[in-house]
């Protein structure tokens, strides 16, 4: 599976999605990779204080065929009452376990789009 492209989306329907995993990183690293968050909330009682929603175009070349599709994933701060700036746990949301692999590959490798292999 290869990441062909990704971009920060305005949002997506979370119906059927759930927390898939988490990653430890900083707000600055996420901001440098993805730019401004899709969503922020300054309310200290809000469940989500900061979130990036990504649409990741994925290509699979297995079994002699090519197939491309989009995975929608989110990276969000859950119940901190603020936007955490220090290295902390950011949750990964999506529709399947591949969400974790996609987000971790982009963050860990600082992947630029254009056919980057997901390990």
PDB file of N, CA and C in Angstrom:
ATOM      1  N   UNK A   1       0.851  -1.171   0.000  1.00  0.00           N
ATOM      2  CA  UNK A   1       0.000   0.000   0.000  1.00  0.00           C
ATOM      3  C   UNK A   1       0.891   1.227   0.000  1.00  0.00           C
ATOM      4  N   UNK A   2       0.559   2.198  -0.834  1.00  0.00           N
ATOM      5  CA  UNK A   2       1.345   3.421  -0.943  1.00  0.00           C
ATOM      6  C   UNK A   2       0.460   4.631  -0.764  1.00  0.00           C
ATOM      7  N   UNK A   3       1.010   5.644  -0.105  1.00  0.00           N
ATOM      8  CA  UNK A   3       0.321   6.923   0.021  1.00  0.00           C
ATOM      9  C   UNK A   3       0.613   7.705  -1.248  1.00  0.00           C
ATOM     10  N   UNK A   4      -0.439   8.045  -1.985  1.00  0.00           N
ATOM     11  CA  UNK A   4      -0.291   8.803  -3.210  1.00  0.00           C
ATOM     12  C   UNK A   4      -0.356  10.296  -2.912  1.00  0.00           C
ATOM     13  N   UNK A   5      -1.284  10.675  -2.066  1.00  0.00           N
ATOM     14  CA  UNK A   5      -1.490  12.081  -1.769  1.00  0.00           C
ATOM     15  C   UNK A   5      -2.297  12.181  -0.477  1.00  0.00           C
ATOM     16  N   UNK A   6      -2.252  13.335   0.158  1.00  0.00           N
ATOM     17  CA  UNK A   6      -3.131  13.594   1.294  1.00  0.00           C
ATOM     18  C   UNK A   6      -3.315  15.088   1.433  1.00  0.00           C
ATOM     19  N   UNK A   7      -4.407  15.466   2.043  1.00  0.00           N
ATOM     20  CA  UNK A   7      -4.649  16.876   2.302  1.00  0.00           C
ATOM     21  C   UNK A   7      -5.528  17.001   3.538  1.00  0.00           C
ATOM     22  N   UNK A   8      -5.492  18.181   4.146  1.00  0.00           N
ATOM     23  CA  UNK A   8      -6.337  18.474   5.298  1.00  0.00           C
ATOM     24  C   UNK A   8      -7.712  18.857   4.771  1.00  0.00           C
ATOM     25  N   UNK A   9      -8.720  18.147   5.234  1.00  0.00           N
ATOM     26  CA  UNK A   9     -10.091  18.356   4.775  1.00  0.00           C
ATOM     27  C   UNK A   9     -10.847  19.265   5.741  1.00  0.00           C
ATOM     28  N   UNK A  10     -11.975  19.754   5.278  1.00  0.00           N
ATOM     29  CA  UNK A  10     -12.832  20.591   6.120  1.00  0.00           C
ATOM     30  C   UNK A  10     -13.509  19.785   7.217  1.00  0.00           C
ATOM     31  N   UNK A  11     -13.593  18.488   7.051  1.00  0.00           N
ATOM     32  CA  UNK A  11     -14.239  17.609   8.001  1.00  0.00           C
ATOM     33  C   UNK A  11     -14.761  16.382   7.291  1.00  0.00           C
ATOM     34  N   UNK A  12     -15.329  15.475   8.049  1.00  0.00           N
ATOM     35  CA  UNK A  12     -15.963  14.311   7.456  1.00  0.00           C
ATOM     36  C   UNK A  12     -16.998  13.770   8.415  1.00  0.00           C
ATOM     37  N   UNK A  13     -17.887  12.985   7.888  1.00  0.00           N
ATOM     38  CA  UNK A  13     -18.925  12.378   8.722  1.00  0.00           C
ATOM     39  C   UNK A  13     -18.280  11.313   9.586  1.00  0.00           C
ATOM     40  N   UNK A  14     -18.395  11.460  10.869  1.00  0.00           N
ATOM     41  CA  UNK A  14     -17.751  10.511  11.775  1.00  0.00           C
ATOM     42  C   UNK A  14     -18.631   9.304  12.066  1.00  0.00           C
ATOM     43  N   UNK A  15     -19.804   9.244  11.457  1.00  0.00           N
ATOM     44  CA  UNK A  15     -20.673   8.087  11.660  1.00  0.00           C
ATOM     45  C   UNK A  15     -19.941   6.819  11.246  1.00  0.00           C
ATOM     46  N   UNK A  16     -19.798   5.903  12.171  1.00  0.00           N
ATOM     47  CA  UNK A  16     -19.113   4.648  11.891  1.00  0.00           C
ATOM     48  C   UNK A  16     -17.621   4.686  12.139  1.00  0.00           C
ATOM     49  N   UNK A  17     -17.081   5.862  12.418  1.00  0.00           N
ATOM     50  CA  UNK A  17     -15.653   5.932  12.725  1.00  0.00           C
ATOM     51  C   UNK A  17     -15.455   5.856  14.234  1.00  0.00           C
ATOM     52  N   UNK A  18     -14.251   5.537  14.632  1.00  0.00           N
ATOM     53  CA  UNK A  18     -13.941   5.486  16.063  1.00  0.00           C
ATOM     54  C   UNK A  18     -12.444   5.623  16.257  1.00  0.00           C
ATOM     55  N   UNK A  19     -12.046   5.727  17.499  1.00  0.00           N
ATOM     56  CA  UNK A  19     -10.625   5.797  17.831  1.00  0.00           C
ATOM     57  C   UNK A  19      -9.983   4.477  17.439  1.00  0.00           C
ATOM     58  N   UNK A  20      -8.920   4.569  16.666  1.00  0.00           N
ATOM     59  CA  UNK A  20      -8.215   3.374  16.212  1.00  0.00           C
ATOM     60  C   UNK A  20      -6.924   3.146  16.983  1.00  0.00           C
ATOM     61  N   UNK A  21      -6.302   4.251  17.399  1.00  0.00           N
ATOM     62  CA  UNK A  21      -5.022   4.147  18.090  1.00  0.00           C
ATOM     63  C   UNK A  21      -4.636   5.536  18.587  1.00  0.00           C
ATOM     64  N   UNK A  22      -3.353   5.702  18.862  1.00  0.00           N
ATOM     65  CA  UNK A  22      -2.832   7.005  19.258  1.00  0.00           C
ATOM     66  C   UNK A  22      -1.366   7.106  18.839  1.00  0.00           C
ATOM     67  N   UNK A  23      -0.872   8.310  18.890  1.00  0.00           N
ATOM     68  CA  UNK A  23       0.528   8.570  18.575  1.00  0.00           C
ATOM     69  C   UNK A  23       1.006   9.647  19.548  1.00  0.00           C
ATOM     70  N   UNK A  24       2.253   9.551  19.975  1.00  0.00           N
ATOM     71  CA  UNK A  24       2.841  10.575  20.834  1.00  0.00           C
ATOM     72  C   UNK A  24       3.654  11.520  19.967  1.00  0.00           C
ATOM     73  N   UNK A  25       3.262  12.784  19.969  1.00  0.00           N
ATOM     74  CA  UNK A  25       3.951  13.800  19.189  1.00  0.00           C
ATOM     75  C   UNK A  25       3.589  15.170  19.749  1.00  0.00           C
ATOM     76  N   UNK A  26       4.074  16.213  19.098  1.00  0.00           N
ATOM     77  CA  UNK A  26       3.797  17.578  19.551  1.00  0.00           C
ATOM     78  C   UNK A  26       2.874  18.299  18.575  1.00  0.00           C
ATOM     79  N   UNK A  27       2.228  19.326  19.085  1.00  0.00           N
ATOM     80  CA  UNK A  27       1.392  20.176  18.242  1.00  0.00           C
ATOM     81  C   UNK A  27       2.228  20.771  17.109  1.00  0.00           C
ATOM     82  N   UNK A  28       3.444  21.228  17.424  1.00  0.00           N
ATOM     83  CA  UNK A  28       4.294  21.849  16.404  1.00  0.00           C
ATOM     84  C   UNK A  28       4.596  20.900  15.249  1.00  0.00           C
ATOM     85  N   UNK A  29       4.869  19.644  15.553  1.00  0.00           N
ATOM     86  CA  UNK A  29       5.156  18.686  14.487  1.00  0.00           C
ATOM     87  C   UNK A  29       3.920  18.484  13.607  1.00  0.00           C
ATOM     88  N   UNK A  30       2.763  18.356  14.229  1.00  0.00           N
ATOM     89  CA  UNK A  30       1.524  18.199  13.465  1.00  0.00           C
ATOM     90  C   UNK A  30       1.241  19.451  12.631  1.00  0.00           C
ATOM     91  N   UNK A  31       1.439  20.610  13.232  1.00  0.00           N
ATOM     92  CA  UNK A  31       1.203  21.860  12.523  1.00  0.00           C
ATOM     93  C   UNK A  31       2.163  22.014  11.346  1.00  0.00           C
ATOM     94  N   UNK A  32       3.420  21.638  11.529  1.00  0.00           N
ATOM     95  CA  UNK A  32       4.394  21.723  10.437  1.00  0.00           C
ATOM     96  C   UNK A  32       4.040  20.794   9.281  1.00  0.00           C
ATOM     97  N   UNK A  33       3.498  19.624   9.597  1.00  0.00           N
ATOM     98  CA  UNK A  33       3.117  18.671   8.550  1.00  0.00           C
ATOM     99  C   UNK A  33       1.814  19.044   7.861  1.00  0.00           C
ATOM    100  N   UNK A  34       0.826  19.479   8.636  1.00  0.00           N
ATOM    101  CA  UNK A  34      -0.530  19.607   8.112  1.00  0.00           C
ATOM    102  C   UNK A  34      -1.074  21.031   8.061  1.00  0.00           C
ATOM    103  N   UNK A  35      -0.369  21.987   8.640  1.00  0.00           N
ATOM    104  CA  UNK A  35      -0.872  23.360   8.644  1.00  0.00           C
ATOM    105  C   UNK A  35      -1.909  23.579   9.735  1.00  0.00           C
ATOM    106  N   UNK A  36      -2.785  24.519   9.508  1.00  0.00           N
ATOM    107  CA  UNK A  36      -3.802  24.852  10.507  1.00  0.00           C
ATOM    108  C   UNK A  36      -4.741  23.671  10.742  1.00  0.00           C
ATOM    109  N   UNK A  37      -5.121  23.435  11.998  1.00  0.00           N
ATOM    110  CA  UNK A  37      -6.063  22.351  12.292  1.00  0.00           C
ATOM    111  C   UNK A  37      -7.412  22.569  11.602  1.00  0.00           C
ATOM    112  N   UNK A  38      -8.089  21.492  11.349  1.00  0.00           N
ATOM    113  CA  UNK A  38      -9.432  21.540  10.794  1.00  0.00           C
ATOM    114  C   UNK A  38     -10.391  22.153  11.805  1.00  0.00           C
ATOM    115  N   UNK A  39     -10.146  21.871  13.095  1.00  0.00           N
ATOM    116  CA  UNK A  39     -11.076  22.267  14.141  1.00  0.00           C
ATOM    117  C   UNK A  39     -10.303  22.583  15.409  1.00  0.00           C
ATOM    118  N   UNK A  40     -10.673  23.674  16.082  1.00  0.00           N
ATOM    119  CA  UNK A  40     -10.163  23.974  17.421  1.00  0.00           C
ATOM    120  C   UNK A  40     -11.326  24.472  18.271  1.00  0.00           C
ATOM    121  N   UNK A  41     -11.223  24.257  19.575  1.00  0.00           N
ATOM    122  CA  UNK A  41     -12.254  24.703  20.498  1.00  0.00           C
ATOM    123  C   UNK A  41     -11.569  25.142  21.786  1.00  0.00           C
ATOM    124  N   UNK A  42     -11.767  26.390  22.162  1.00  0.00           N
ATOM    125  CA  UNK A  42     -11.132  26.941  23.363  1.00  0.00           C
ATOM    126  C   UNK A  42     -11.889  26.624  24.646  1.00  0.00           C
ATOM    127  N   UNK A  43     -13.043  26.002  24.540  1.00  0.00           N
ATOM    128  CA  UNK A  43     -13.842  25.649  25.714  1.00  0.00           C
ATOM    129  C   UNK A  43     -13.102  24.589  26.534  1.00  0.00           C
ATOM    130  N   UNK A  44     -12.765  24.868  27.791  1.00  0.00           N
ATOM    131  CA  UNK A  44     -12.025  23.889  28.600  1.00  0.00           C
ATOM    132  C   UNK A  44     -12.815  22.613  28.884  1.00  0.00           C
ATOM    133  N   UNK A  45     -14.121  22.610  28.619  1.00  0.00           N
ATOM    134  CA  UNK A  45     -14.937  21.427  28.855  1.00  0.00           C
ATOM    135  C   UNK A  45     -15.246  20.650  27.575  1.00  0.00           C
ATOM    136  N   UNK A  46     -14.733  21.120  26.458  1.00  0.00           N
ATOM    137  CA  UNK A  46     -14.962  20.422  25.181  1.00  0.00           C
ATOM    138  C   UNK A  46     -14.198  19.103  25.170  1.00  0.00           C
ATOM    139  N   UNK A  47     -14.784  18.102  24.560  1.00  0.00           N
ATOM    140  CA  UNK A  47     -14.108  16.804  24.475  1.00  0.00           C
ATOM    141  C   UNK A  47     -12.921  16.857  23.526  1.00  0.00           C
ATOM    142  N   UNK A  48     -13.077  17.518  22.393  1.00  0.00           N
ATOM    143  CA  UNK A  48     -11.990  17.658  21.421  1.00  0.00           C
ATOM    144  C   UNK A  48     -11.588  19.128  21.369  1.00  0.00           C
ATOM    145  N   UNK A  49     -10.301  19.388  21.652  1.00  0.00           N
ATOM    146  CA  UNK A  49      -9.836  20.774  21.643  1.00  0.00           C
ATOM    147  C   UNK A  49      -9.130  21.134  20.341  1.00  0.00           C
ATOM    148  N   UNK A  50      -8.633  20.125  19.613  1.00  0.00           N
ATOM    149  CA  UNK A  50      -7.896  20.374  18.386  1.00  0.00           C
ATOM    150  C   UNK A  50      -7.956  19.117  17.525  1.00  0.00           C
ATOM    151  N   UNK A  51      -8.169  19.294  16.209  1.00  0.00           N
ATOM    152  CA  UNK A  51      -8.285  18.122  15.342  1.00  0.00           C
ATOM    153  C   UNK A  51      -7.869  18.463  13.913  1.00  0.00           C
ATOM    154  N   UNK A  52      -7.133  17.539  13.306  1.00  0.00           N
ATOM    155  CA  UNK A  52      -6.860  17.581  11.885  1.00  0.00           C
ATOM    156  C   UNK A  52      -7.620  16.423  11.253  1.00  0.00           C
ATOM    157  N   UNK A  53      -8.320  16.692  10.167  1.00  0.00           N
ATOM    158  CA  UNK A  53      -8.994  15.652   9.401  1.00  0.00           C
ATOM    159  C   UNK A  53      -8.235  15.526   8.084  1.00  0.00           C
ATOM    160  N   UNK A  54      -7.783  14.325   7.784  1.00  0.00           N
ATOM    161  CA  UNK A  54      -7.009  14.086   6.568  1.00  0.00           C
ATOM    162  C   UNK A  54      -7.757  13.178   5.615  1.00  0.00           C
ATOM    163  N   UNK A  55      -7.675  13.488   4.349  1.00  0.00           N
ATOM    164  CA  UNK A  55      -8.111  12.570   3.291  1.00  0.00           C
ATOM    165  C   UNK A  55      -6.834  12.067   2.641  1.00  0.00           C
ATOM    166  N   UNK A  56      -6.594  10.785   2.772  1.00  0.00           N
ATOM    167  CA  UNK A  56      -5.360  10.171   2.297  1.00  0.00           C
ATOM    168  C   UNK A  56      -5.689   9.283   1.102  1.00  0.00           C
ATOM    169  N   UNK A  57      -5.089   9.588  -0.036  1.00  0.00           N
ATOM    170  CA  UNK A  57      -5.276   8.752  -1.224  1.00  0.00           C
ATOM    171  C   UNK A  57      -4.250   7.624  -1.166  1.00  0.00           C
ATOM    172  N   UNK A  58      -4.757   6.407  -1.243  1.00  0.00           N
ATOM    173  CA  UNK A  58      -3.940   5.215  -1.075  1.00  0.00           C
ATOM    174  C   UNK A  58      -4.005   4.383  -2.352  1.00  0.00           C
ATOM    175  N   UNK A  59      -2.883   3.760  -2.690  1.00  0.00           N
ATOM    176  CA  UNK A  59      -2.817   2.913  -3.879  1.00  0.00           C
ATOM    177  C   UNK A  59      -2.332   1.534  -3.462  1.00  0.00           C
ATOM    178  N   UNK A  60      -3.022   0.519  -3.942  1.00  0.00           N
ATOM    179  CA  UNK A  60      -2.644  -0.869  -3.687  1.00  0.00           C
ATOM    180  C   UNK A  60      -2.345  -1.518  -5.029  1.00  0.00           C
ATOM    181  N   UNK A  61      -1.180  -2.127  -5.137  1.00  0.00           N
ATOM    182  CA  UNK A  61      -0.794  -2.765  -6.401  1.00  0.00           C
ATOM    183  C   UNK A  61      -0.683  -4.273  -6.252  1.00  0.00           C
ATOM    184  N   UNK A  62      -1.298  -4.816  -5.222  1.00  0.00           N
ATOM    185  CA  UNK A  62      -1.198  -6.250  -4.970  1.00  0.00           C
ATOM    186  C   UNK A  62      -1.966  -7.091  -5.964  1.00  0.00           C
ATOM    187  N   UNK A  63      -1.560  -8.332  -6.109  1.00  0.00           N
ATOM    188  CA  UNK A  63      -2.234  -9.331  -6.939  1.00  0.00           C
ATOM    189  C   UNK A  63      -2.374  -8.919  -8.400  1.00  0.00           C
ATOM    190  N   UNK A  64      -1.434  -8.148  -8.917  1.00  0.00           N
ATOM    191  CA  UNK A  64      -1.438  -7.809 -10.326  1.00  0.00           C
ATOM    192  C   UNK A  64      -2.448  -6.765 -10.745  1.00  0.00           C
ATOM    193  N   UNK A  65      -3.080  -6.109  -9.820  1.00  0.00           N
ATOM    194  CA  UNK A  65      -4.033  -5.059 -10.182  1.00  0.00           C
ATOM    195  C   UNK A  65      -3.704  -3.796  -9.404  1.00  0.00           C
ATOM    196  N   UNK A  66      -4.223  -2.679  -9.897  1.00  0.00           N
ATOM    197  CA  UNK A  66      -4.059  -1.412  -9.202  1.00  0.00           C
ATOM    198  C   UNK A  66      -5.417  -0.936  -8.717  1.00  0.00           C
ATOM    199  N   UNK A  67      -5.438  -0.447  -7.522  1.00  0.00           N
ATOM    200  CA  UNK A  67      -6.668   0.086  -6.966  1.00  0.00           C
ATOM    201  C   UNK A  67      -6.305   1.301  -6.126  1.00  0.00           C
ATOM    202  N   UNK A  68      -7.059   2.367  -6.250  1.00  0.00           N
ATOM    203  CA  UNK A  68      -6.844   3.550  -5.420  1.00  0.00           C
ATOM    204  C   UNK A  68      -8.147   3.904  -4.728  1.00  0.00           C
ATOM    205  N   UNK A  69      -8.018   4.459  -3.544  1.00  0.00           N
ATOM    206  CA  UNK A  69      -9.176   4.903  -2.772  1.00  0.00           C
ATOM    207  C   UNK A  69      -8.714   5.928  -1.749  1.00  0.00           C
ATOM    208  N   UNK A  70      -9.673   6.561  -1.111  1.00  0.00           N
ATOM    209  CA  UNK A  70      -9.385   7.540  -0.064  1.00  0.00           C
ATOM    210  C   UNK A  70      -9.741   6.962   1.293  1.00  0.00           C
ATOM    211  N   UNK A  71      -8.863   7.174   2.248  1.00  0.00           N
ATOM    212  CA  UNK A  71      -9.129   6.876   3.649  1.00  0.00           C
ATOM    213  C   UNK A  71      -9.278   8.223   4.360  1.00  0.00           C
ATOM    214  N   UNK A  72     -10.280   8.344   5.191  1.00  0.00           N
ATOM    215  CA  UNK A  72     -10.449   9.534   6.002  1.00  0.00           C
ATOM    216  C   UNK A  72     -10.016   9.210   7.420  1.00  0.00           C
ATOM    217  N   UNK A  73      -9.118  10.023   7.935  1.00  0.00           N
ATOM    218  CA  UNK A  73      -8.593   9.808   9.281  1.00  0.00           C
ATOM    219  C   UNK A  73      -8.569  11.138  10.022  1.00  0.00           C
ATOM    220  N   UNK A  74      -8.554  11.059  11.340  1.00  0.00           N
ATOM    221  CA  UNK A  74      -8.447  12.274  12.141  1.00  0.00           C
ATOM    222  C   UNK A  74      -7.371  12.083  13.203  1.00  0.00           C
ATOM    223  N   UNK A  75      -6.766  13.190  13.558  1.00  0.00           N
ATOM    224  CA  UNK A  75      -5.760  13.236  14.632  1.00  0.00           C
ATOM    225  C   UNK A  75      -6.278  14.300  15.588  1.00  0.00           C
ATOM    226  N   UNK A  76      -6.519  13.917  16.844  1.00  0.00           N
ATOM    227  CA  UNK A  76      -7.195  14.860  17.727  1.00  0.00           C
ATOM    228  C   UNK A  76      -6.739  14.745  19.176  1.00  0.00           C
ATOM    229  N   UNK A  77      -6.858  15.883  19.868  1.00  0.00           N
ATOM    230  CA  UNK A  77      -6.574  15.965  21.308  1.00  0.00           C
ATOM    231  C   UNK A  77      -7.897  15.738  22.037  1.00  0.00           C
ATOM    232  N   UNK A  78      -7.930  14.747  22.928  1.00  0.00           N
ATOM    233  CA  UNK A  78      -9.159  14.328  23.597  1.00  0.00           C
ATOM    234  C   UNK A  78      -9.123  14.661  25.078  1.00  0.00           C
ATOM    235  N   UNK A  79     -10.032  15.519  25.502  1.00  0.00           N
ATOM    236  CA  UNK A  79     -10.274  15.852  26.910  1.00  0.00           C
ATOM    237  C   UNK A  79      -9.060  16.426  27.644  1.00  0.00           C
ATOM    238  N   UNK A  80      -8.323  17.310  26.984  1.00  0.00           N
ATOM    239  CA  UNK A  80      -7.230  17.990  27.669  1.00  0.00           C
ATOM    240  C   UNK A  80      -7.674  19.334  28.230  1.00  0.00           C
ATOM    241  N   UNK A  81      -8.778  19.880  27.739  1.00  0.00           N
ATOM    242  CA  UNK A  81      -9.240  21.180  28.194  1.00  0.00           C
ATOM    243  C   UNK A  81      -8.436  22.332  27.621  1.00  0.00           C
ATOM    244  N   UNK A  82      -7.547  22.023  26.692  1.00  0.00           N
ATOM    245  CA  UNK A  82      -6.683  23.013  26.044  1.00  0.00           C
ATOM    246  C   UNK A  82      -6.024  22.319  24.856  1.00  0.00           C
ATOM    247  N   UNK A  83      -5.327  23.088  24.054  1.00  0.00           N
ATOM    248  CA  UNK A  83      -4.538  22.484  22.982  1.00  0.00           C
ATOM    249  C   UNK A  83      -3.156  22.190  23.555  1.00  0.00           C
ATOM    250  N   UNK A  84      -2.794  20.923  23.677  1.00  0.00           N
ATOM    251  CA  UNK A  84      -1.501  20.587  24.268  1.00  0.00           C
ATOM    252  C   UNK A  84      -0.355  20.919  23.309  1.00  0.00           C
ATOM    253  N   UNK A  85       0.653  21.602  23.806  1.00  0.00           N
ATOM    254  CA  UNK A  85       1.801  21.972  22.982  1.00  0.00           C
ATOM    255  C   UNK A  85       2.979  21.028  23.183  1.00  0.00           C
ATOM    256  N   UNK A  86       3.078  20.441  24.361  1.00  0.00           N
ATOM    257  CA  UNK A  86       4.178  19.518  24.659  1.00  0.00           C
ATOM    258  C   UNK A  86       3.908  18.156  23.987  1.00  0.00           C
ATOM    259  N   UNK A  87       4.917  17.297  23.987  1.00  0.00           N
ATOM    260  CA  UNK A  87       4.697  15.956  23.445  1.00  0.00           C
ATOM    261  C   UNK A  87       3.637  15.262  24.294  1.00  0.00           C
ATOM    262  N   UNK A  88       2.625  14.768  23.638  1.00  0.00           N
ATOM    263  CA  UNK A  88       1.496  14.171  24.337  1.00  0.00           C
ATOM    264  C   UNK A  88       0.816  13.155  23.433  1.00  0.00           C
ATOM    265  N   UNK A  89      -0.160  12.482  23.982  1.00  0.00           N
ATOM    266  CA  UNK A  89      -0.919  11.502  23.211  1.00  0.00           C
ATOM    267  C   UNK A  89      -1.969  12.205  22.356  1.00  0.00           C
ATOM    268  N   UNK A  90      -1.908  11.974  21.063  1.00  0.00           N
ATOM    269  CA  UNK A  90      -2.917  12.428  20.113  1.00  0.00           C
ATOM    270  C   UNK A  90      -3.623  11.186  19.606  1.00  0.00           C
ATOM    271  N   UNK A  91      -4.940  11.198  19.644  1.00  0.00           N
ATOM    272  CA  UNK A  91      -5.705  10.041  19.189  1.00  0.00           C
ATOM    273  C   UNK A  91      -5.820  10.030  17.672  1.00  0.00           C
ATOM    274  N   UNK A  92      -5.909   8.832  17.127  1.00  0.00           N
ATOM    275  CA  UNK A  92      -6.099   8.625  15.694  1.00  0.00           C
ATOM    276  C   UNK A  92      -7.473   8.007  15.508  1.00  0.00           C
ATOM    277  N   UNK A  93      -8.305   8.675  14.735  1.00  0.00           N
ATOM    278  CA  UNK A  93      -9.643   8.168  14.458  1.00  0.00           C
ATOM    279  C   UNK A  93      -9.779   7.785  12.997  1.00  0.00           C
ATOM    280  N   UNK A  94     -10.682   6.862  12.744  1.00  0.00           N
ATOM    281  CA  UNK A  94     -10.925   6.443  11.369  1.00  0.00           C
ATOM    282  C   UNK A  94     -11.918   5.312  11.329  1.00  0.00           C
ATOM    283  N   UNK A  95     -11.991   4.681  10.180  1.00  0.00           N
ATOM    284  CA  UNK A  95     -12.961   3.619   9.962  1.00  0.00           C
ATOM    285  C   UNK A  95     -12.364   2.221  10.058  1.00  0.00           C
ATOM    286  N   UNK A  96     -11.028   2.114  10.088  1.00  0.00           N
ATOM    287  CA  UNK A  96     -10.381   0.797  10.163  1.00  0.00           C
ATOM    288  C   UNK A  96      -8.968   0.939  10.709  1.00  0.00           C
ATOM    289  N   UNK A  97      -8.344  -0.195  10.956  1.00  0.00           N
ATOM    290  CA  UNK A  97      -7.007  -0.197  11.564  1.00  0.00           C
ATOM    291  C   UNK A  97      -5.949   0.435  10.667  1.00  0.00           C
ATOM    292  N   UNK A  98      -6.190   0.538   9.371  1.00  0.00           N
ATOM    293  CA  UNK A  98      -5.213   1.157   8.477  1.00  0.00           C
ATOM    294  C   UNK A  98      -5.005   2.632   8.803  1.00  0.00           C
ATOM    295  N   UNK A  99      -5.961   3.244   9.470  1.00  0.00           N
ATOM    296  CA  UNK A  99      -5.833   4.646   9.868  1.00  0.00           C
ATOM    297  C   UNK A  99      -4.556   4.868  10.659  1.00  0.00           C
ATOM    298  N   UNK A 100      -4.280   3.986  11.591  1.00  0.00           N
ATOM    299  CA  UNK A 100      -3.071   4.092  12.409  1.00  0.00           C
ATOM    300  C   UNK A 100      -1.826   4.030  11.539  1.00  0.00           C
ATOM    301  N   UNK A 101      -1.746   3.064  10.644  1.00  0.00           N
ATOM    302  CA  UNK A 101      -0.569   2.919   9.791  1.00  0.00           C
ATOM    303  C   UNK A 101      -0.348   4.153   8.923  1.00  0.00           C
ATOM    304  N   UNK A 102      -1.419   4.690   8.374  1.00  0.00           N
ATOM    305  CA  UNK A 102      -1.300   5.860   7.512  1.00  0.00           C
ATOM    306  C   UNK A 102      -0.786   7.070   8.283  1.00  0.00           C
ATOM    307  N   UNK A 103      -1.402   7.345   9.415  1.00  0.00           N
ATOM    308  CA  UNK A 103      -0.999   8.513  10.206  1.00  0.00           C
ATOM    309  C   UNK A 103       0.426   8.353  10.726  1.00  0.00           C
ATOM    310  N   UNK A 104       0.751   7.199  11.258  1.00  0.00           N
ATOM    311  CA  UNK A 104       2.103   6.993  11.780  1.00  0.00           C
ATOM    312  C   UNK A 104       3.158   7.103  10.683  1.00  0.00           C
ATOM    313  N   UNK A 105       2.863   6.604   9.499  1.00  0.00           N
ATOM    314  CA  UNK A 105       3.813   6.715   8.393  1.00  0.00           C
ATOM    315  C   UNK A 105       4.063   8.163   8.014  1.00  0.00           C
ATOM    316  N   UNK A 106       3.006   8.943   7.952  1.00  0.00           N
ATOM    317  CA  UNK A 106       3.163  10.354   7.601  1.00  0.00           C
ATOM    318  C   UNK A 106       3.932  11.093   8.692  1.00  0.00           C
ATOM    319  N   UNK A 107       3.573  10.882   9.943  1.00  0.00           N
ATOM    320  CA  UNK A 107       4.223  11.595  11.045  1.00  0.00           C
ATOM    321  C   UNK A 107       5.666  11.133  11.241  1.00  0.00           C
ATOM    322  N   UNK A 108       5.889   9.831  11.336  1.00  0.00           N
ATOM    323  CA  UNK A 108       7.224   9.311  11.628  1.00  0.00           C
ATOM    324  C   UNK A 108       8.241   9.626  10.542  1.00  0.00           C
ATOM    325  N   UNK A 109       7.795   9.574   9.316  1.00  0.00           N
ATOM    326  CA  UNK A 109       8.716   9.788   8.204  1.00  0.00           C
ATOM    327  C   UNK A 109       8.638  11.190   7.628  1.00  0.00           C
ATOM    328  N   UNK A 110       7.677  11.987   8.103  1.00  0.00           N
ATOM    329  CA  UNK A 110       7.492  13.303   7.517  1.00  0.00           C
ATOM    330  C   UNK A 110       7.186  13.170   6.033  1.00  0.00           C
ATOM    331  N   UNK A 111       6.381  12.175   5.701  1.00  0.00           N
ATOM    332  CA  UNK A 111       6.152  11.839   4.303  1.00  0.00           C
ATOM    333  C   UNK A 111       5.550  12.979   3.515  1.00  0.00           C
ATOM    334  N   UNK A 112       6.135  13.226   2.402  1.00  0.00           N
ATOM    335  CA  UNK A 112       5.519  14.075   1.398  1.00  0.00           C
ATOM    336  C   UNK A 112       4.715  13.129   0.516  1.00  0.00           C
ATOM    337  N   UNK A 113       3.614  13.602  -0.025  1.00  0.00           N
ATOM    338  CA  UNK A 113       2.869  12.734  -0.941  1.00  0.00           C
ATOM    339  C   UNK A 113       3.730  12.351  -2.140  1.00  0.00           C
ATOM    340  N   UNK A 114       3.241  11.550  -3.017  1.00  0.00           N
ATOM    341  CA  UNK A 114       3.894  11.052  -4.212  1.00  0.00           C
ATOM    342  C   UNK A 114       4.458   9.664  -3.989  1.00  0.00           C
ATOM    343  N   UNK A 115       3.580   8.740  -3.848  1.00  0.00           N
ATOM    344  CA  UNK A 115       3.935   7.327  -3.859  1.00  0.00           C
ATOM    345  C   UNK A 115       4.913   6.923  -2.754  1.00  0.00           C
ATOM    346  N   UNK A 116       4.620   7.245  -1.552  1.00  0.00           N
ATOM    347  CA  UNK A 116       5.426   6.803  -0.423  1.00  0.00           C
ATOM    348  C   UNK A 116       4.833   5.523   0.146  1.00  0.00           C
ATOM    349  N   UNK A 117       5.656   4.523   0.259  1.00  0.00           N
ATOM    350  CA  UNK A 117       5.222   3.207   0.744  1.00  0.00           C
ATOM    351  C   UNK A 117       4.866   3.282   2.225  1.00  0.00           C
ATOM    352  N   UNK A 118       3.768   2.661   2.583  1.00  0.00           N
ATOM    353  CA  UNK A 118       3.378   2.527   3.984  1.00  0.00           C
ATOM    354  C   UNK A 118       3.876   1.181   4.464  1.00  0.00           C
ATOM    355  N   UNK A 119       4.701   1.194   5.481  1.00  0.00           N
ATOM    356  CA  UNK A 119       5.276  -0.066   5.987  1.00  0.00           C
ATOM    357  C   UNK A 119       4.262  -0.881   6.724  1.00  0.00           C
TER     358      UNK A 119
END
